[in-house]
Structures are given as C-alpha cells and as structure tokens.
Protein backbone atom coordinates (compact mmCIF):
# COMPACT_ATOMS: atom_id res chain seq x y z
CA MET A 1 -22.32 47.69 22.67
CA TRP A 2 -23.18 46.28 19.41
CA LEU A 3 -19.40 45.11 18.89
CA VAL A 4 -19.76 43.02 22.24
CA VAL A 5 -23.10 41.34 20.97
CA LEU A 6 -21.25 40.44 17.61
CA LEU A 7 -18.45 38.84 19.25
CA LEU A 8 -21.02 36.77 21.40
CA ALA A 9 -22.93 35.73 18.77
CA ALA A 10 -19.81 34.76 16.31
CA PRO A 11 -18.78 31.69 17.87
CA PRO A 12 -21.94 29.66 17.72
CA ALA A 13 -22.46 30.78 14.40
CA LEU A 14 -19.13 29.76 13.31
CA ALA A 15 -18.38 26.68 15.22
CA GLN A 16 -19.39 23.21 14.37
CA THR A 17 -22.60 22.32 15.86
CA ALA A 18 -23.69 18.74 17.27
CA PRO A 19 -26.71 16.58 15.91
CA PRO A 20 -29.93 18.35 16.96
CA SER A 21 -31.21 15.15 18.65
CA PRO A 22 -30.15 11.62 19.10
CA ASN A 23 -33.13 10.03 17.27
CA ARG A 24 -31.89 11.33 13.72
CA PRO A 25 -28.79 11.22 11.67
CA TRP A 26 -26.64 14.36 11.33
CA THR A 27 -26.81 16.02 7.79
CA ALA A 28 -23.85 18.11 6.74
CA SER A 29 -24.31 21.86 5.29
CA GLY A 30 -22.32 24.70 4.22
CA ASN A 31 -18.87 24.25 4.86
CA ASP A 32 -18.88 20.81 6.11
CA ARG A 33 -20.45 19.76 3.10
CA GLN A 34 -17.89 21.37 0.83
CA VAL A 35 -15.23 19.81 2.75
CA LEU A 36 -16.89 16.45 2.37
CA GLU A 37 -17.09 16.85 -1.52
CA GLU A 38 -13.75 18.23 -2.06
CA PRO A 39 -11.93 14.93 -2.13
CA TRP A 40 -14.19 13.77 -5.13
CA ARG A 41 -13.67 16.69 -7.74
CA ALA A 42 -10.70 14.89 -9.31
CA SER A 43 -10.70 14.56 -13.03
CA ALA A 44 -13.15 12.00 -14.18
CA VAL A 45 -12.34 9.44 -16.71
CA VAL A 46 -13.59 9.98 -20.23
CA ILE A 47 -15.12 6.54 -21.86
CA ASP A 48 -16.40 7.03 -25.65
CA PRO A 49 -19.48 5.01 -25.55
CA ALA A 50 -19.06 4.59 -29.36
CA LYS A 51 -15.60 3.06 -28.91
CA ALA A 52 -14.51 -0.75 -28.32
CA TYR A 53 -11.49 -0.29 -26.47
CA SER A 54 -8.68 -2.86 -26.55
CA LEU A 55 -6.81 -4.11 -23.32
CA ALA A 56 -3.64 -1.58 -23.87
CA GLU A 57 -5.92 1.28 -24.08
CA LEU A 58 -7.77 0.29 -21.11
CA ILE A 59 -4.24 -0.27 -19.29
CA ASP A 60 -3.58 3.17 -20.01
CA LEU A 61 -6.71 4.53 -18.62
CA ALA A 62 -6.26 2.96 -15.56
CA GLN A 63 -2.90 4.04 -14.85
CA ARG A 64 -3.73 7.57 -15.68
CA HIS A 65 -7.07 7.87 -13.64
CA ASN A 66 -6.97 4.94 -11.14
CA PRO A 67 -6.20 6.87 -7.67
CA GLU A 68 -4.07 4.12 -6.46
CA THR A 69 -1.61 5.30 -8.91
CA ARG A 70 -1.70 8.63 -7.46
CA VAL A 71 -1.22 7.32 -3.90
CA ALA A 72 1.93 5.50 -4.57
CA TRP A 73 3.33 8.24 -6.86
CA GLU A 74 2.92 10.81 -3.72
CA GLN A 75 4.16 8.51 -1.50
CA ALA A 76 7.42 8.01 -3.85
CA ARG A 77 7.91 11.96 -4.01
CA ALA A 78 7.57 12.32 -0.19
CA ARG A 79 10.35 9.67 0.25
CA ALA A 80 12.16 11.39 -2.32
CA ALA A 81 12.00 14.68 -0.22
CA ALA A 82 13.09 12.84 2.61
CA LEU A 83 16.22 11.88 1.05
CA GLY A 84 16.93 15.60 0.14
CA VAL A 85 16.49 16.19 3.74
CA ALA A 86 18.85 13.35 4.73
CA ARG A 87 21.46 14.66 2.40
CA SER A 88 21.05 18.29 3.66
CA GLU A 89 23.36 16.85 6.63
CA LEU A 90 26.49 17.16 4.31
CA TYR A 91 26.39 20.85 4.47
CA PRO A 92 26.84 23.20 7.27
CA THR A 93 23.56 25.33 8.47
CA LEU A 94 23.81 29.15 8.64
CA THR A 95 21.34 31.06 10.48
CA THR A 96 21.23 34.63 10.69
CA ALA A 97 19.63 37.68 12.90
CA ALA A 98 19.77 41.54 12.22
CA LEU A 99 20.09 43.44 15.45
CA ALA A 100 19.28 47.23 16.16
CA HIS A 101 19.53 48.61 19.20
CA ALA A 102 19.18 52.43 20.58
CA THR A 103 19.72 53.28 24.53
CA ARG A 104 19.21 56.65 26.11
CA SER A 105 20.27 56.96 29.86
CA ASP A 106 21.49 59.52 32.34
CA VAL A 107 24.86 58.18 33.81
CA LEU A 108 26.43 59.74 37.12
CA VAL A 109 29.81 61.28 36.39
CA GLY A 110 31.58 63.06 39.61
CA GLY A 111 28.71 64.86 41.14
CA ALA A 112 26.45 65.25 38.08
CA PHE A 113 24.64 62.92 35.52
CA ALA A 114 25.36 63.17 31.96
CA ARG A 115 23.00 62.10 29.27
CA GLU A 116 24.55 59.25 27.46
CA GLN A 117 23.07 58.07 24.16
CA ILE A 118 24.25 54.60 22.40
CA ARG A 119 22.85 53.16 18.79
CA SER A 120 24.23 50.03 17.57
CA ALA A 121 23.45 47.66 14.71
CA ALA A 122 24.94 44.21 14.10
CA LEU A 123 24.18 41.11 11.97
CA ALA A 124 24.61 38.14 13.84
CA LEU A 125 25.70 35.06 11.91
CA ASP A 126 25.63 31.29 13.19
CA LEU A 127 27.57 28.67 11.13
CA THR A 128 27.65 25.24 12.28
CA TYR A 129 28.78 21.99 10.90
CA MET A 130 29.48 18.58 11.85
CA ILE A 131 32.91 17.43 10.67
CA PHE A 132 32.93 13.85 11.67
CA ASP A 133 30.44 11.50 13.28
CA PHE A 134 31.89 7.90 12.54
CA GLY A 135 29.04 6.94 9.85
CA GLY A 136 26.16 7.98 11.84
CA ARG A 137 25.09 10.79 8.92
CA ALA A 138 26.22 8.14 6.22
CA GLY A 139 24.09 5.58 7.38
CA ARG A 140 21.03 8.22 7.72
CA ILE A 141 21.44 9.16 3.99
CA ALA A 142 21.66 5.33 3.08
CA SER A 143 18.50 4.32 4.88
CA ALA A 144 17.00 7.34 3.26
CA ARG A 145 18.14 6.38 -0.26
CA ALA A 146 17.05 2.99 0.22
CA ASP A 147 13.54 3.95 1.39
CA ALA A 148 12.99 6.05 -1.65
CA LEU A 149 14.25 3.29 -3.85
CA ALA A 150 11.44 1.05 -2.04
CA SER A 151 8.90 3.48 -2.32
CA ASN A 152 9.77 3.97 -6.27
CA LEU A 153 9.53 0.04 -6.35
CA ALA A 154 6.14 -0.01 -4.73
CA PHE A 155 4.99 2.35 -7.02
CA ASN A 156 5.87 0.07 -9.96
CA ASP A 157 4.10 -2.77 -7.95
CA THR A 158 1.22 -0.68 -7.98
CA HIS A 159 1.27 -0.25 -11.61
CA ARG A 160 1.91 -4.10 -11.87
CA THR A 161 -1.35 -4.59 -9.43
CA ILE A 162 -3.37 -2.38 -11.63
CA ILE A 163 -2.47 -4.16 -14.83
CA PHE A 164 -3.28 -7.39 -13.84
CA GLN A 165 -6.50 -6.02 -11.94
CA VAL A 166 -7.44 -4.32 -15.59
CA SER A 167 -6.57 -7.77 -17.28
CA ASP A 168 -8.53 -9.89 -15.31
CA ALA A 169 -11.39 -7.64 -15.36
CA TYR A 170 -11.35 -7.48 -18.91
CA TYR A 171 -11.10 -11.07 -19.53
CA ARG A 172 -13.80 -11.73 -17.31
CA LEU A 173 -15.97 -9.22 -18.99
CA LEU A 174 -15.11 -11.11 -22.42
CA ASN A 175 -16.23 -14.31 -20.97
CA ALA A 176 -19.49 -12.85 -19.62
CA SER A 177 -20.10 -11.60 -23.01
CA GLY A 178 -19.01 -14.78 -24.96
CA GLN A 179 -21.44 -16.69 -22.37
CA GLU A 180 -24.17 -14.30 -23.22
CA GLU A 181 -23.70 -14.86 -27.01
CA GLY A 182 -23.61 -18.58 -26.49
CA ALA A 183 -26.64 -18.39 -24.37
CA ARG A 184 -28.33 -16.25 -27.08
CA ALA A 185 -27.43 -18.95 -29.65
CA SER A 186 -28.42 -21.87 -27.26
CA LEU A 187 -32.06 -20.06 -27.00
CA ALA A 188 -32.33 -19.71 -30.85
CA ASN A 189 -31.35 -23.65 -31.16
CA ALA A 190 -34.07 -24.37 -28.34
CA GLN A 191 -36.86 -22.02 -30.21
CA THR A 192 -35.80 -24.05 -33.36
CA VAL A 193 -36.62 -27.56 -31.78
CA GLN A 194 -40.06 -25.88 -30.15
CA ARG A 195 -41.11 -24.90 -33.48
CA ALA A 196 -40.01 -28.37 -35.20
CA ALA A 197 -41.88 -29.89 -32.46
CA GLU A 198 -45.21 -27.80 -32.85
CA GLU A 199 -45.16 -28.39 -36.76
CA ARG A 200 -44.93 -32.25 -36.06
CA LEU A 201 -47.62 -31.84 -33.65
CA GLN A 202 -49.76 -30.20 -36.11
CA ASN A 203 -49.20 -32.96 -38.54
CA GLY A 204 -49.95 -35.70 -36.13
CA LEU A 205 -46.41 -36.77 -36.05
CA ALA A 206 -45.58 -35.80 -32.48
CA THR A 207 -47.26 -35.78 -29.17
CA LEU A 208 -48.14 -33.13 -26.66
CA PRO A 209 -45.51 -34.07 -24.18
CA ASP A 210 -42.85 -33.32 -26.86
CA VAL A 211 -44.19 -30.06 -27.30
CA LEU A 212 -44.07 -29.28 -23.90
CA GLU A 213 -40.57 -30.64 -23.48
CA ALA A 214 -39.43 -28.36 -26.15
CA ARG A 215 -41.09 -25.26 -24.66
CA SER A 216 -39.46 -26.07 -21.31
CA ALA A 217 -36.30 -26.39 -22.62
CA ALA A 218 -36.78 -23.13 -24.69
CA ALA A 219 -37.79 -21.22 -21.05
CA GLN A 220 -34.68 -22.89 -19.71
CA ALA A 221 -32.51 -21.38 -22.27
CA ASP A 222 -34.05 -18.21 -22.06
CA TYR A 223 -33.43 -18.03 -17.95
CA GLU A 224 -29.78 -18.92 -18.81
CA LEU A 225 -29.57 -16.30 -21.17
CA GLN A 226 -31.07 -13.53 -18.70
CA ALA A 227 -28.46 -14.81 -15.91
CA ALA A 228 -25.45 -14.39 -18.51
CA VAL A 229 -26.78 -11.04 -19.04
CA GLY A 230 -26.38 -10.20 -15.69
CA ALA A 231 -23.15 -11.53 -15.28
CA ARG A 232 -21.95 -9.22 -18.52
CA GLU A 233 -23.16 -6.13 -16.58
CA ILE A 234 -21.47 -6.96 -13.40
CA ALA A 235 -18.27 -7.76 -15.29
CA GLY A 236 -18.56 -4.54 -17.15
CA GLY A 237 -19.37 -2.69 -13.79
CA ASP A 238 -15.81 -4.33 -12.41
CA LEU A 239 -13.91 -3.35 -15.15
CA ALA A 240 -15.15 0.39 -15.04
CA MET A 241 -14.20 0.44 -11.30
CA ALA A 242 -10.95 -0.73 -12.15
CA LEU A 243 -10.24 1.97 -14.37
CA GLY A 244 -11.42 4.58 -11.96
CA ALA A 245 -14.67 5.07 -13.30
CA MET A 246 -17.94 4.43 -12.18
CA PRO A 247 -19.65 1.22 -12.58
CA SER A 248 -22.61 2.28 -14.64
CA THR A 249 -20.14 3.90 -17.08
CA ASP A 250 -21.36 2.97 -20.79
CA LEU A 251 -18.12 0.76 -21.65
CA HIS A 252 -17.29 -1.46 -24.64
CA VAL A 253 -14.51 -3.58 -25.43
CA GLN A 254 -13.03 -5.52 -28.46
CA PRO A 255 -14.94 -8.99 -28.90
CA LEU A 256 -12.99 -12.39 -28.06
CA THR A 257 -12.51 -13.07 -31.49
CA ALA A 258 -10.61 -10.19 -32.24
CA ILE A 259 -7.91 -11.32 -29.52
CA ALA A 260 -5.03 -13.33 -30.82
CA GLN A 261 -4.89 -16.63 -28.76
CA PRO A 262 -1.66 -17.44 -27.40
CA ASP A 263 -0.32 -20.91 -28.42
CA SER A 264 2.84 -21.42 -25.82
CA VAL A 265 4.68 -19.68 -23.06
CA GLY A 266 7.68 -19.83 -24.97
CA ALA A 267 10.13 -20.23 -21.90
CA THR A 268 10.54 -23.08 -19.45
CA VAL A 269 8.94 -22.80 -15.61
CA ASP A 270 12.60 -22.42 -14.50
CA GLU A 271 13.18 -19.76 -16.88
CA ALA A 272 10.05 -17.77 -15.35
CA ILE A 273 10.96 -18.06 -11.86
CA ASP A 274 14.31 -16.81 -12.67
CA ARG A 275 12.67 -13.65 -14.43
CA ALA A 276 10.36 -13.25 -11.35
CA PHE A 277 13.33 -13.16 -9.06
CA ALA A 278 15.00 -10.28 -11.25
CA GLN A 279 11.87 -8.32 -11.94
CA ARG A 280 9.23 -8.52 -9.22
CA PRO A 281 9.08 -5.05 -8.00
CA ASP A 282 7.67 -6.52 -4.48
CA LEU A 283 10.53 -8.44 -4.09
CA MET A 284 13.34 -5.75 -5.00
CA ARG A 285 11.26 -3.54 -2.76
CA GLN A 286 12.11 -6.00 0.24
CA MET A 287 15.80 -5.88 -0.84
CA ALA A 288 15.66 -2.32 -0.78
CA GLU A 289 14.53 -2.84 2.86
CA ILE A 290 17.11 -4.77 3.86
CA ARG A 291 19.53 -2.02 2.72
CA SER A 292 17.39 0.22 4.98
CA ALA A 293 17.75 -1.74 7.93
CA ASP A 294 21.55 -2.19 7.52
CA ALA A 295 21.96 1.47 7.32
CA HIS A 296 19.96 1.74 10.22
CA THR A 297 22.14 -0.55 12.22
CA GLN A 298 25.34 1.37 11.06
CA GLU A 299 23.73 4.61 12.37
CA ALA A 300 23.10 2.88 15.66
CA ARG A 301 26.54 1.88 15.83
CA ALA A 302 27.75 5.14 15.07
CA ALA A 303 26.02 6.52 18.24
CA LEU A 304 28.80 4.72 20.46
CA TYR A 305 31.43 7.26 19.15
CA PRO A 306 31.84 11.01 19.39
CA THR A 307 31.04 13.63 17.06
CA LEU A 308 33.42 16.28 16.12
CA ASN A 309 31.44 20.03 15.30
CA VAL A 310 32.60 23.05 14.38
CA ARG A 311 30.85 26.32 14.83
CA ALA A 312 31.52 29.92 13.77
CA GLN A 313 29.73 33.13 14.81
CA PRO A 314 31.01 36.10 13.09
CA SER A 315 28.85 39.38 13.86
CA PRO A 316 29.81 42.58 12.06
CA GLN A 317 28.67 45.81 14.27
CA LEU A 318 28.21 49.38 14.24
CA LEU A 319 28.20 51.20 17.15
CA ARG A 320 27.66 54.78 17.64
CA GLY A 321 27.35 56.80 20.80
CA LEU A 322 27.16 60.12 22.83
CA ALA A 323 27.95 61.09 26.24
CA ARG A 324 27.54 64.52 26.95
CA PRO A 325 29.70 67.04 26.79
CA TYR A 326 31.90 65.14 24.58
CA PRO A 327 31.20 64.55 20.92
CA TRP A 328 29.72 61.56 18.90
CA ALA A 329 31.95 58.67 19.16
CA ASP A 330 31.98 55.64 16.48
CA ALA A 331 33.17 52.09 16.60
CA ASN A 332 32.94 49.29 13.76
CA GLY A 333 34.06 46.01 13.49
CA VAL A 334 33.65 42.20 13.02
CA PHE A 335 33.49 40.48 16.41
CA GLY A 336 32.68 36.74 17.25
CA GLY A 337 34.43 33.49 17.81
CA VAL A 338 35.18 29.83 16.10
CA ALA A 339 34.91 26.93 18.53
CA LEU A 340 35.38 23.01 17.89
CA SER A 341 33.66 20.74 20.07
CA LEU A 342 33.82 17.15 20.76
CA ASP A 343 30.84 15.39 22.10
CA TRP A 344 30.63 11.86 23.42
CA LYS A 345 27.74 10.22 25.64
CA VAL A 346 29.69 8.62 27.85
CA PHE A 347 27.20 6.29 29.79
CA ASP A 348 23.60 5.80 28.92
CA ALA A 349 22.34 2.65 30.83
CA GLY A 350 23.04 0.78 27.88
CA ALA A 351 20.46 2.26 25.39
CA ARG A 352 23.01 2.40 22.56
CA SER A 353 23.82 -1.12 22.64
CA ARG A 354 20.16 -2.12 22.90
CA ALA A 355 19.59 0.08 19.85
CA ILE A 356 22.07 -1.64 18.04
CA THR A 357 20.67 -5.23 18.89
CA GLU A 358 17.20 -3.77 17.94
CA ALA A 359 18.35 -2.54 14.39
CA GLN A 360 20.39 -5.81 13.84
CA ALA A 361 17.09 -7.91 14.63
CA VAL A 362 15.13 -5.80 12.18
CA ALA A 363 17.50 -6.30 9.34
CA ALA A 364 17.32 -9.82 10.10
CA ALA A 365 13.80 -9.89 9.84
CA ALA A 366 14.02 -7.94 6.85
CA ARG A 367 16.11 -10.94 5.33
CA ALA A 368 13.80 -13.52 6.35
CA ARG A 369 10.94 -11.90 4.84
CA ALA A 370 12.57 -11.63 1.44
CA ALA A 371 13.74 -15.36 1.62
CA SER A 372 10.01 -16.43 2.42
CA SER A 373 8.74 -13.86 -0.62
CA ARG A 374 11.48 -16.16 -2.84
CA ASP A 375 9.81 -19.30 -2.09
CA ARG A 376 6.06 -17.69 -2.23
CA ILE A 377 7.22 -16.25 -5.56
CA ALA A 378 8.66 -19.37 -6.78
CA ASN A 379 5.35 -21.10 -6.01
CA ASP A 380 3.07 -18.58 -7.41
CA VAL A 381 5.13 -18.51 -10.56
CA TRP A 382 5.05 -22.57 -11.00
CA THR A 383 1.41 -22.61 -10.14
CA ALA A 384 0.48 -19.64 -12.85
CA TYR A 385 2.59 -21.57 -15.46
CA SER A 386 0.90 -24.80 -14.82
CA GLN A 387 -2.59 -23.24 -15.03
CA PHE A 388 -1.53 -21.47 -18.26
CA THR A 389 -0.66 -24.98 -19.97
CA THR A 390 -3.33 -26.35 -18.30
CA ALA A 391 -5.71 -23.84 -20.00
CA LEU A 392 -3.86 -24.22 -23.52
CA ARG A 393 -4.69 -28.05 -23.27
CA ARG A 394 -8.44 -27.38 -22.12
CA ARG A 395 -8.88 -24.94 -24.92
CA GLN A 396 -7.86 -27.33 -27.63
CA ALA A 397 -10.39 -29.96 -25.99
CA ALA A 398 -12.99 -27.36 -25.80
CA SER A 399 -12.49 -26.76 -29.21
CA VAL A 400 -13.18 -30.25 -30.35
CA LEU A 401 -15.89 -30.72 -28.06
CA LEU A 402 -17.95 -27.87 -29.60
CA ASP A 403 -17.24 -28.85 -33.42
CA SER A 404 -18.45 -32.64 -32.15
CA ALA A 405 -21.41 -31.01 -30.44
CA GLY A 406 -22.48 -28.64 -33.14
CA GLN A 407 -22.21 -31.96 -35.44
CA SER A 408 -24.37 -33.93 -33.10
CA TYR A 409 -27.11 -31.57 -32.51
CA ALA A 410 -27.34 -30.80 -36.38
CA ALA A 411 -27.48 -34.60 -36.94
CA ALA A 412 -29.89 -34.99 -34.13
CA LEU A 413 -32.25 -32.08 -35.42
CA GLU A 414 -32.34 -33.34 -38.82
CA SER A 415 -33.19 -36.94 -37.87
CA TYR A 416 -35.73 -35.74 -35.53
CA ASN A 417 -37.12 -33.82 -38.70
CA LEU A 418 -37.34 -37.41 -40.67
CA GLY A 419 -38.80 -39.17 -37.75
CA LEU A 420 -35.64 -40.93 -36.99
CA ARG A 421 -34.92 -39.65 -33.46
CA SER A 422 -36.88 -38.79 -30.50
CA LEU A 423 -37.38 -35.35 -29.00
CA LEU A 424 -35.37 -36.15 -26.05
CA ASP A 425 -32.25 -36.68 -28.14
CA VAL A 426 -32.63 -33.57 -29.72
CA THR A 427 -32.96 -31.73 -26.54
CA ALA A 428 -30.14 -33.56 -24.80
CA ALA A 429 -28.01 -32.48 -28.05
CA GLN A 430 -29.12 -28.95 -27.51
CA ARG A 431 -27.97 -29.15 -24.15
CA THR A 432 -24.70 -30.60 -24.82
CA LEU A 433 -23.99 -27.85 -27.46
CA ALA A 434 -24.99 -24.96 -25.15
CA GLN A 435 -22.45 -26.62 -22.40
CA ALA A 436 -19.72 -26.96 -25.07
CA ARG A 437 -20.38 -23.48 -26.27
CA ALA A 438 -19.86 -22.33 -22.76
CA ALA A 439 -16.83 -24.61 -22.14
CA ASP A 440 -15.39 -22.91 -25.27
CA VAL A 441 -15.58 -19.45 -24.24
CA LEU A 442 -14.57 -20.29 -20.82
CA ALA A 443 -11.38 -22.29 -21.97
CA ARG A 444 -10.53 -19.26 -24.37
CA THR A 445 -10.81 -16.59 -21.84
CA GLN A 446 -9.28 -18.78 -19.06
CA ALA A 447 -5.98 -19.11 -21.36
CA LEU A 448 -5.90 -15.35 -21.90
CA SER A 449 -6.30 -14.78 -18.38
CA ALA A 450 -4.17 -17.40 -17.44
CA LEU A 451 -1.28 -15.75 -19.29
CA ALA A 452 -1.83 -12.50 -17.73
CA ASP A 453 -1.47 -13.77 -14.24
CA LEU A 454 1.63 -15.30 -15.53
CA ALA A 455 2.97 -12.02 -16.58
CA TYR A 456 1.78 -10.70 -13.38
CA GLN A 457 3.62 -13.33 -11.48
CA THR A 458 6.97 -12.90 -13.44
CA GLY A 459 6.52 -9.05 -13.19
CA ASP A 460 6.63 -9.38 -17.23
CA SER A 461 3.54 -6.75 -17.42
CA ILE A 462 5.58 -3.66 -16.14
CA GLN A 463 9.06 -4.19 -18.01
CA SER A 464 7.77 -1.72 -20.78
CA ALA A 465 8.05 2.05 -19.05
CA PRO A 466 4.59 2.61 -17.30
CA ARG A 467 2.66 5.90 -17.95
CA ARG A 468 2.96 7.88 -14.84
CA PRO A 469 0.74 10.61 -13.31
C-alpha cells in the first residue's frame, strides 16, 4: 500500500512544474537553478588591479579566456573528428556475436520417443568491405578534409577578430583616458584664468562680467571633465568585456605616452592587398569551402556507377549432442561463406543527375563568394591603408596645433595679467588649447587604431602563432 502511494506521489514531485499563475513570472529553484547556473561556472579572468597591462598582455588574456575562442576550438575539434569518421571508410568493418544454444526435446524414433539434447556454442563474424565505388568514398574524405581545414581557418579568424576587438577597445580606452587628462588640464587652466580675473577685480582692474565669464568657462571645463570621466569608465568596461571579464573589473593599462607611435606603414597599398589575399583566414576558409563543394560534386557523380563489395562471414562452432540410447556426439569446425556483390542503381527518376547539378551549383556559388570576398578585402585594405596614412598626417598637424595653442594661451594669459588683452581673448585661447589637447590625443590614438585596423584587414595580426585554449 505504501509503495503505491509513493509511486503516485513521485511524478509530481520530480517533474518540472508550470508557473503557479499567469500574473507573475516563474522563479527557478532546485535543479532548475543549478542547470541555469552551470554554464557560467567557467574559469574567470584574473586581473591584477595593481598592474598596468600592455596590449600584448591583454590580447593573451583574451585569447585564453574569451568564450568565442572556446567555441571555435570545439568546432574545429568536431570537424577533425568528422574527418576521422570519413577516413574510417578506407578500412573494413567487423562485427562479432557470441552465441550459445541448448535444446532438450523428445524425438519420435520408430514406435517410441527418444530424449535428445543438443548444446552448441558459436562465434559469428561478419567482415564487410567496399572494394571500389568510382570515387565516392574519396569524395567524402576530401569533403571532410576541406571542412576540417575550413574550421581550423575559422578558428584562426576568431583569433584575428578578438585581437582586433581588444586592440580597438584598448586604443579607445587610451583615447578616453587622454581626453580625461586633457580635460583636467583645461579645468586647471580655466581655474587659473578665473583666479586671475578675481584678483584683477579686487584690484579694480577688471569688471564683474569678466569674472562671471571666467567662472562660466571654469564650470564648462568641469562639465566636460565629467563627461570625459564617464567615457573613460565606459571604455574600460568595453575592454574588460573583450577580455571575457565583467565590465566592473578594475583594469589598468599602460598610458598613451608609454606607447611608441608609428611613423610609416612600411609597404605600398598593393603589397598590403597581396598580403591580405595570402593571409586572410576568412578568404582561405572560403577556398577550403570550394574544395569541399568540388568533393561533394565528385561524390554525387560517383553515385552514377556501381559499387563492388566483399562480405565474409566465418563462424567457428562447437556442437555436442545426445540422443538416447546413443552416447554423446561432438562436431567442431568453421562454417560460413564469402560473397562479392556488385550494386548498381539502374533507375531513380533522375535523382542522381539532379544531385550532381545541385553540387555543381553549390561549388559555383562558393567560387562566386570567394571572388566577391577578394573584391571586398581589396577595398577594405585600401580604406584601412588610406585611413592610416591620413591619421599620420593628422597626428603631425595636431602636434603643431597643440604647440601653437599652448604658446597662444600662455601669451594671452600673460598679456591679460599686464592689462594688454581682454578676458575674452584669454578664454578663447583657453578653449582653443583644450580643443588642441583633445585633437592631439585623438590623432595619436587614431594612428594606433588605424594601424591595428590595417593589420586586421591584411591578416598580419595572427601571423605569430596564437595561443590556443
């Protein structure tokens, strides 16, 4: 009785229940919560808050902890296993079964029944091998090999993308940090002008509107500083997410002044495009897909022809029987047979010919995609090359602008203290200096970011062996 009660009560207790009512959301508990939390129990990125990380160190962290690398790696492993499955067709298949049998019966002999007992033991073997199929098996192996190659190249392309994402986020953080430093310097300059105006007002050399103008400029500089602080915090969170860490991670990087600035690209745009054609893993992956499509065409064409198979079924047996009044009798030996079969599908309403047409169309589409990708890659490299050379020229112009604006501000402030310039001239020079600081930081980080983009477009960023999970 108690067993029946337990069996009736078990299904509701063990099954997943529906939400209790339609007016409130469902809350996970017990095993459901454990299942939902299980995927997040991966190893966390360990960030040293006291260390200033370089770009190379950040890329290394991202390659080891970003989940995208794990996804691409597992997919590559799956394709490698699929290639092993395809290659197994080169070898015969062998199945075996152990059989034991015992019977006891009465057999009518003449006018009486005689007790008969038979005991047998056998080992059944089945060896099957396809000898020839006009290239169908070779096509499947070639297709699997090309798919494995494409998966490996996709893994490399994932590393290329992650390297660029980390580099881009790193340089955006450097720009935001530089803009914050420039905003703090602009605030200090505005406060200096404010103090000078207040001192001149106390000495009767300035008017109240001049002081109010100086205070307004200082407040504007403080407002821009707070915006720069927020942008730096957001950029830091973006960089932490690119590493596979939480955006709230306390992460410090090397300052912009510690990074060597590039002076030239070191190659022509045609050389950069040629390197991209030879190195871009996404383009090489499409070439591997063309090989896979051609192998599928070979496999489909082989289906038009017969296949030759051999099958051997040896079966060692041990027999022992008793039929009264005779004594026990034994029989041992190997039984079985060998067969050759030629299988040929004569008629299938055109299915095989249409399969060939389909495979040929897929291969042609793959070639067209590769050609389109070559055109797109050439344009992307050209654009990245032009942006980098433009960034170099802008960096030089920004450096001259910053130097001129700094001298102009210093001269305007000195002249104002001597009573030779108005406050409006000083505040205008101060705003020009702030804009020059922002332009200088932006130009320097844009040159670095443009170089990283050029390395991403040409595939140079993954030419050193990437770290694998």
